């Protein structure tokens, strides 16, 4: 039997009871389910956290006139060596359909946050470059995500710890390519 599950706590860092843990872990064996509760609990926990992060992110981005895809695209461009990338490269890095990236670039270009140009050596490719206004907007979004009074204030200084906790699992699941 999976007695290890009984030894782990269901408390969060504030000392309150986590209903996800107590509701699943404590009933798992009693319901006759084979295996342990941890795969189900891990997947539920990551899924719930993703929904909460998306909700908070969307609230912050809405104030700045950005959508999630626009934010990811601007920040990705800001992180490139020259502030530009091919449309196809952005689609691959962001794990998005090329059409979604193109439509997002259309919106960002209309807002003056990116520019688009033909690739100088590959006439089939399009380069997207972040503008100073796009860099400023991406920076404002990143600051908003860390604001003590923002939609994700509850995460406080936990972003790095969260990343470091999830990184090994993400890599083990095979997310090793850009």
Protein backbone atom coordinates (compact mmCIF):
# COMPACT_ATOMS: atom_id res chain seq x y z
CA UNK A 1 0.00 0.00 0.00
CA UNK A 2 1.04 3.60 -0.38
CA UNK A 3 1.55 4.60 3.22
CA UNK A 4 4.04 7.27 2.18
CA UNK A 5 1.09 9.40 1.11
CA UNK A 6 -0.19 9.41 4.70
CA UNK A 7 3.09 10.83 6.03
CA UNK A 8 3.16 13.91 3.78
CA UNK A 9 1.38 17.02 4.98
CA UNK A 10 -1.47 18.73 3.27
CA UNK A 11 -0.53 22.15 4.58
CA UNK A 12 0.59 25.09 2.57
CA UNK A 13 3.25 27.55 3.64
CA UNK A 14 0.76 29.59 5.67
CA UNK A 15 -0.24 26.53 7.72
CA UNK A 16 -3.76 26.21 6.34
CA UNK A 17 -5.11 22.96 4.96
CA UNK A 18 -4.93 22.43 1.22
CA UNK A 19 -8.27 20.90 0.14
CA UNK A 20 -6.67 19.44 -3.00
CA UNK A 21 -4.27 17.40 -0.88
CA UNK A 22 -6.67 16.32 1.84
CA UNK A 23 -9.53 15.67 -0.55
CA UNK A 24 -7.52 13.39 -2.81
CA UNK A 25 -4.64 11.94 -0.83
CA UNK A 26 -6.66 10.98 2.20
CA UNK A 27 -9.35 9.21 0.14
CA UNK A 28 -7.19 7.58 -2.53
CA UNK A 29 -6.71 4.17 -0.95
CA UNK A 30 -10.17 4.18 0.61
CA UNK A 31 -11.73 4.41 -2.82
CA UNK A 32 -9.73 1.43 -4.03
CA UNK A 33 -7.80 3.32 -6.68
CA UNK A 34 -4.62 1.54 -7.79
CA UNK A 35 -1.26 3.29 -7.71
CA UNK A 36 -0.50 6.36 -5.71
CA UNK A 37 -2.25 9.73 -5.76
CA UNK A 38 0.86 11.73 -6.66
CA UNK A 39 0.66 11.74 -10.48
CA UNK A 40 -2.96 12.89 -10.34
CA UNK A 41 -2.24 15.46 -7.63
CA UNK A 42 0.81 16.82 -9.45
CA UNK A 43 -1.09 17.23 -12.71
CA UNK A 44 -4.07 18.83 -10.96
CA UNK A 45 -1.79 21.15 -9.01
CA UNK A 46 0.11 22.30 -12.10
CA UNK A 47 -3.14 22.74 -14.01
CA UNK A 48 -4.73 24.79 -11.24
CA UNK A 49 -1.59 26.90 -10.87
CA UNK A 50 -1.53 27.48 -14.63
CA UNK A 51 -5.10 28.75 -14.53
CA UNK A 52 -4.32 31.10 -11.63
CA UNK A 53 -1.17 32.38 -13.36
CA UNK A 54 -3.06 32.94 -16.62
CA UNK A 55 -5.81 34.84 -14.80
CA UNK A 56 -3.31 37.08 -13.00
CA UNK A 57 -1.18 37.56 -16.11
CA UNK A 58 -4.20 38.46 -18.21
CA UNK A 59 -5.34 41.02 -15.61
CA UNK A 60 -1.93 42.73 -15.62
CA UNK A 61 -1.57 42.61 -19.40
CA UNK A 62 -5.06 43.99 -19.99
CA UNK A 63 -4.04 47.17 -18.13
CA UNK A 64 -1.16 47.51 -20.60
CA UNK A 65 -3.18 46.75 -23.71
CA UNK A 66 -1.44 43.43 -24.33
CA UNK A 67 -2.56 39.85 -24.71
CA UNK A 68 -0.55 36.85 -23.53
CA UNK A 69 0.81 36.04 -26.97
CA UNK A 70 1.83 39.65 -27.51
CA UNK A 71 3.60 39.74 -24.16
CA UNK A 72 5.47 36.49 -24.86
CA UNK A 73 6.42 37.68 -28.33
CA UNK A 74 7.66 41.10 -27.17
CA UNK A 75 9.66 39.64 -24.30
CA UNK A 76 11.16 36.98 -26.57
CA UNK A 77 12.21 39.66 -29.07
CA UNK A 78 13.65 41.79 -26.27
CA UNK A 79 15.79 38.82 -25.23
CA UNK A 80 17.28 38.20 -28.67
CA UNK A 81 20.77 39.48 -29.39
CA UNK A 82 19.62 42.00 -32.01
CA UNK A 83 16.00 42.55 -30.97
CA UNK A 84 14.66 40.71 -34.01
CA UNK A 85 13.79 37.20 -35.16
CA UNK A 86 12.14 35.39 -38.04
CA UNK A 87 8.42 34.74 -37.81
CA UNK A 88 9.14 31.01 -38.08
CA UNK A 89 11.67 31.19 -35.23
CA UNK A 90 9.19 32.98 -33.00
CA UNK A 91 6.56 30.34 -33.74
CA UNK A 92 8.99 27.57 -32.81
CA UNK A 93 10.27 29.23 -29.63
CA UNK A 94 6.79 30.18 -28.45
CA UNK A 95 5.39 26.77 -29.46
CA UNK A 96 2.59 28.47 -31.40
CA UNK A 97 1.09 28.03 -34.82
CA UNK A 98 2.77 30.34 -37.36
CA UNK A 99 -0.60 31.91 -38.20
CA UNK A 100 -1.13 32.86 -34.55
CA UNK A 101 2.29 34.48 -34.45
CA UNK A 102 1.62 36.34 -37.71
CA UNK A 103 -1.72 37.66 -36.45
CA UNK A 104 -0.12 38.76 -33.18
CA UNK A 105 2.66 40.51 -35.09
CA UNK A 106 -0.02 42.28 -37.16
CA UNK A 107 -1.60 43.61 -33.95
CA UNK A 108 1.71 44.59 -32.38
CA UNK A 109 2.84 46.29 -35.58
CA UNK A 110 -0.40 48.30 -35.75
CA UNK A 111 0.27 49.42 -32.17
CA UNK A 112 3.85 50.46 -33.06
CA UNK A 113 5.43 47.83 -30.81
CA UNK A 114 7.20 45.84 -33.55
CA UNK A 115 8.25 46.34 -37.15
CA UNK A 116 8.41 43.81 -39.93
CA UNK A 117 10.97 43.56 -42.74
CA UNK A 118 12.16 41.08 -45.33
CA UNK A 119 15.11 38.99 -44.26
CA UNK A 120 18.22 40.40 -46.02
CA UNK A 121 19.50 36.98 -47.15
CA UNK A 122 16.33 34.87 -47.38
CA UNK A 123 13.58 36.53 -49.39
CA UNK A 124 11.05 33.96 -48.17
CA UNK A 125 11.56 34.92 -44.54
CA UNK A 126 10.17 37.85 -42.58
CA UNK A 127 12.02 39.46 -39.68
CA UNK A 128 10.14 40.96 -36.78
CA UNK A 129 11.93 43.59 -34.68
CA UNK A 130 10.91 45.09 -31.37
CA UNK A 131 10.62 48.87 -31.28
CA UNK A 132 11.66 51.04 -28.33
CA UNK A 133 7.95 51.32 -27.47
CA UNK A 134 7.63 47.52 -27.59
CA UNK A 135 10.64 47.12 -25.32
CA UNK A 136 9.13 49.65 -22.91
CA UNK A 137 5.76 47.83 -22.90
CA UNK A 138 7.41 44.44 -22.29
CA UNK A 139 9.37 45.98 -19.42
CA UNK A 140 6.23 47.47 -17.90
CA UNK A 141 4.53 44.06 -18.09
CA UNK A 142 7.46 42.35 -16.42
CA UNK A 143 7.47 44.93 -13.63
CA UNK A 144 3.71 44.55 -13.17
CA UNK A 145 4.12 40.80 -12.66
CA UNK A 146 6.34 41.50 -9.64
CA UNK A 147 4.34 44.41 -8.20
CA UNK A 148 3.47 43.94 -4.53
CA UNK A 149 -0.08 45.15 -5.20
CA UNK A 150 -0.56 43.36 -8.54
CA UNK A 151 -2.76 40.47 -9.54
CA UNK A 152 0.02 37.97 -8.78
CA UNK A 153 1.19 39.59 -5.54
CA UNK A 154 0.46 36.35 -3.67
CA UNK A 155 3.44 34.78 -5.39
CA UNK A 156 5.69 37.41 -3.84
CA UNK A 157 9.28 36.36 -4.37
CA UNK A 158 8.39 32.78 -5.29
CA UNK A 159 8.94 32.99 -9.07
CA UNK A 160 12.52 31.73 -8.99
CA UNK A 161 11.71 28.91 -6.57
CA UNK A 162 8.71 27.96 -8.72
CA UNK A 163 10.84 27.91 -11.85
CA UNK A 164 13.56 25.86 -10.15
CA UNK A 165 10.99 23.37 -8.84
CA UNK A 166 9.34 22.92 -12.26
CA UNK A 167 12.48 22.95 -14.43
CA UNK A 168 13.59 19.35 -13.72
CA UNK A 169 10.09 18.02 -14.43
CA UNK A 170 9.81 20.03 -17.66
CA UNK A 171 13.18 18.76 -18.87
CA UNK A 172 12.37 15.17 -17.84
CA UNK A 173 9.16 15.40 -19.87
CA UNK A 174 11.28 16.19 -22.94
CA UNK A 175 11.00 19.97 -23.27
CA UNK A 176 14.60 20.45 -24.33
CA UNK A 177 14.28 21.97 -27.80
CA UNK A 178 13.63 25.53 -28.88
